[in-house]
Amino acid sequence: MRQTRLALAALLFVAVTFTSCKGDYTCDCGAGGSTDMKDWKKKDAKESCDAASNMLVAFGEAGCTLKKS
């Protein structure tokens, strides 16, 4: 559970760092939760979601999937 919270905190940190954006996306991490990414550039949203996914996988959790909102 602690590892999932760490990964979600990292995802939120990455989400805050990107501010110039174009589309609405959701990074769905299954049981780990999801993060709405409103007005994001697709490339930035994908990079952020991939980073969160890699962290979760490193902790033995399921990865994340980027979805268009």
C-alpha atoms as a PDB file:
ATOM      1  CA  MET A   1       0.000   0.000   0.000  1.00  0.00           C
ATOM      2  CA  ARG A   2       2.850   2.396   0.832  1.00  0.00           C
ATOM      3  CA  GLN A   3       4.424   1.732  -2.558  1.00  0.00           C
ATOM      4  CA  THR A   4       1.168   2.561  -4.339  1.00  0.00           C
ATOM      5  CA  ARG A   5       0.922   5.840  -2.423  1.00  0.00           C
ATOM      6  CA  LEU A   6       4.510   6.687  -3.361  1.00  0.00           C
ATOM      7  CA  ALA A   7       3.793   6.016  -7.019  1.00  0.00           C
ATOM      8  CA  LEU A   8       0.625   8.133  -6.932  1.00  0.00           C
ATOM      9  CA  ALA A   9       2.503  10.964  -5.242  1.00  0.00           C
ATOM     10  CA  ALA A  10       5.143  10.778  -7.972  1.00  0.00           C
ATOM     11  CA  LEU A  11       2.426  10.809 -10.640  1.00  0.00           C
ATOM     12  CA  LEU A  12       0.845  13.916  -9.132  1.00  0.00           C
ATOM     13  CA  PHE A  13       4.254  15.614  -8.959  1.00  0.00           C
ATOM     14  CA  VAL A  14       4.889  14.893 -12.628  1.00  0.00           C
ATOM     15  CA  ALA A  15       1.360  16.049 -13.491  1.00  0.00           C
ATOM     16  CA  VAL A  16       1.933  19.428 -11.857  1.00  0.00           C
ATOM     17  CA  THR A  17       5.145  20.026 -13.823  1.00  0.00           C
ATOM     18  CA  PHE A  18       3.409  20.126 -17.230  1.00  0.00           C
ATOM     19  CA  THR A  19       1.277  23.241 -17.760  1.00  0.00           C
ATOM     20  CA  SER A  20       1.095  23.971 -21.514  1.00  0.00           C
ATOM     21  CA  CYS A  21      -1.391  21.448 -22.809  1.00  0.00           C
ATOM     22  CA  LYS A  22      -3.863  20.671 -25.585  1.00  0.00           C
ATOM     23  CA  GLY A  23      -6.087  17.655 -24.817  1.00  0.00           C
ATOM     24  CA  ASP A  24      -7.914  15.898 -21.995  1.00  0.00           C
ATOM     25  CA  TYR A  25      -6.426  12.563 -20.926  1.00  0.00           C
ATOM     26  CA  THR A  26      -6.676  10.182 -17.986  1.00  0.00           C
ATOM     27  CA  CYS A  27      -3.798   8.094 -16.684  1.00  0.00           C
ATOM     28  CA  ASP A  28      -5.601   4.989 -15.386  1.00  0.00           C
ATOM     29  CA  CYS A  29      -3.520   2.939 -12.967  1.00  0.00           C
ATOM     30  CA  GLY A  30      -6.235   0.420 -12.062  1.00  0.00           C
ATOM     31  CA  ALA A  31      -6.292  -0.210  -8.312  1.00  0.00           C
ATOM     32  CA  GLY A  32      -3.583   2.451  -7.965  1.00  0.00           C
ATOM     33  CA  GLY A  33      -6.110   5.111  -8.988  1.00  0.00           C
ATOM     34  CA  SER A  34      -6.255   7.492 -11.910  1.00  0.00           C
ATOM     35  CA  THR A  35      -5.254  11.078 -12.636  1.00  0.00           C
ATOM     36  CA  ASP A  36      -7.122  13.476 -14.899  1.00  0.00           C
ATOM     37  CA  MET A  37      -4.873  15.444 -17.225  1.00  0.00           C
ATOM     38  CA  LYS A  38      -6.956  18.316 -18.574  1.00  0.00           C
ATOM     39  CA  ASP A  39      -5.574  20.300 -21.540  1.00  0.00           C
ATOM     40  CA  TRP A  40      -2.339  18.307 -21.837  1.00  0.00           C
ATOM     41  CA  LYS A  41      -0.185  17.804 -24.916  1.00  0.00           C
ATOM     42  CA  LYS A  42      -0.436  14.115 -25.812  1.00  0.00           C
ATOM     43  CA  LYS A  43       3.355  13.666 -25.690  1.00  0.00           C
ATOM     44  CA  ASP A  44       3.578  15.137 -22.176  1.00  0.00           C
ATOM     45  CA  ALA A  45       0.610  13.117 -20.924  1.00  0.00           C
ATOM     46  CA  LYS A  46       2.111   9.916 -22.332  1.00  0.00           C
ATOM     47  CA  GLU A  47       5.522  10.600 -20.776  1.00  0.00           C
ATOM     48  CA  SER A  48       3.976  11.332 -17.379  1.00  0.00           C
ATOM     49  CA  CYS A  49       1.712   8.280 -17.466  1.00  0.00           C
ATOM     50  CA  ASP A  50       4.586   6.062 -18.629  1.00  0.00           C
ATOM     51  CA  ALA A  51       6.740   7.315 -15.737  1.00  0.00           C
ATOM     52  CA  ALA A  52       3.987   6.503 -13.225  1.00  0.00           C
ATOM     53  CA  SER A  53       3.468   3.113 -14.863  1.00  0.00           C
ATOM     54  CA  ASN A  54       7.181   2.285 -14.674  1.00  0.00           C
ATOM     55  CA  MET A  55       7.248   3.169 -10.971  1.00  0.00           C
ATOM     56  CA  LEU A  56       4.244   0.956 -10.222  1.00  0.00           C
ATOM     57  CA  VAL A  57       5.688  -1.950 -12.220  1.00  0.00           C
ATOM     58  CA  ALA A  58       8.980  -1.572 -10.338  1.00  0.00           C
ATOM     59  CA  PHE A  59       7.025  -2.073  -7.100  1.00  0.00           C
ATOM     60  CA  GLY A  60       5.294  -5.171  -8.479  1.00  0.00           C
ATOM     61  CA  GLU A  61       1.982  -3.452  -9.223  1.00  0.00           C
ATOM     62  CA  ALA A  62       0.046  -3.342 -12.494  1.00  0.00           C
ATOM     63  CA  GLY A  63       1.028  -0.550 -14.878  1.00  0.00           C
ATOM     64  CA  CYS A  64      -0.959   2.462 -16.081  1.00  0.00           C
ATOM     65  CA  THR A  65      -2.786   3.169 -19.334  1.00  0.00           C
ATOM     66  CA  LEU A  66      -3.227   6.583 -20.949  1.00  0.00           C
ATOM     67  CA  LYS A  67      -6.772   7.166 -22.170  1.00  0.00           C
ATOM     68  CA  LYS A  68      -8.347  10.055 -24.067  1.00  0.00           C
ATOM     69  CA  SER A  69     -11.042  11.641 -21.883  1.00  0.00           C
END
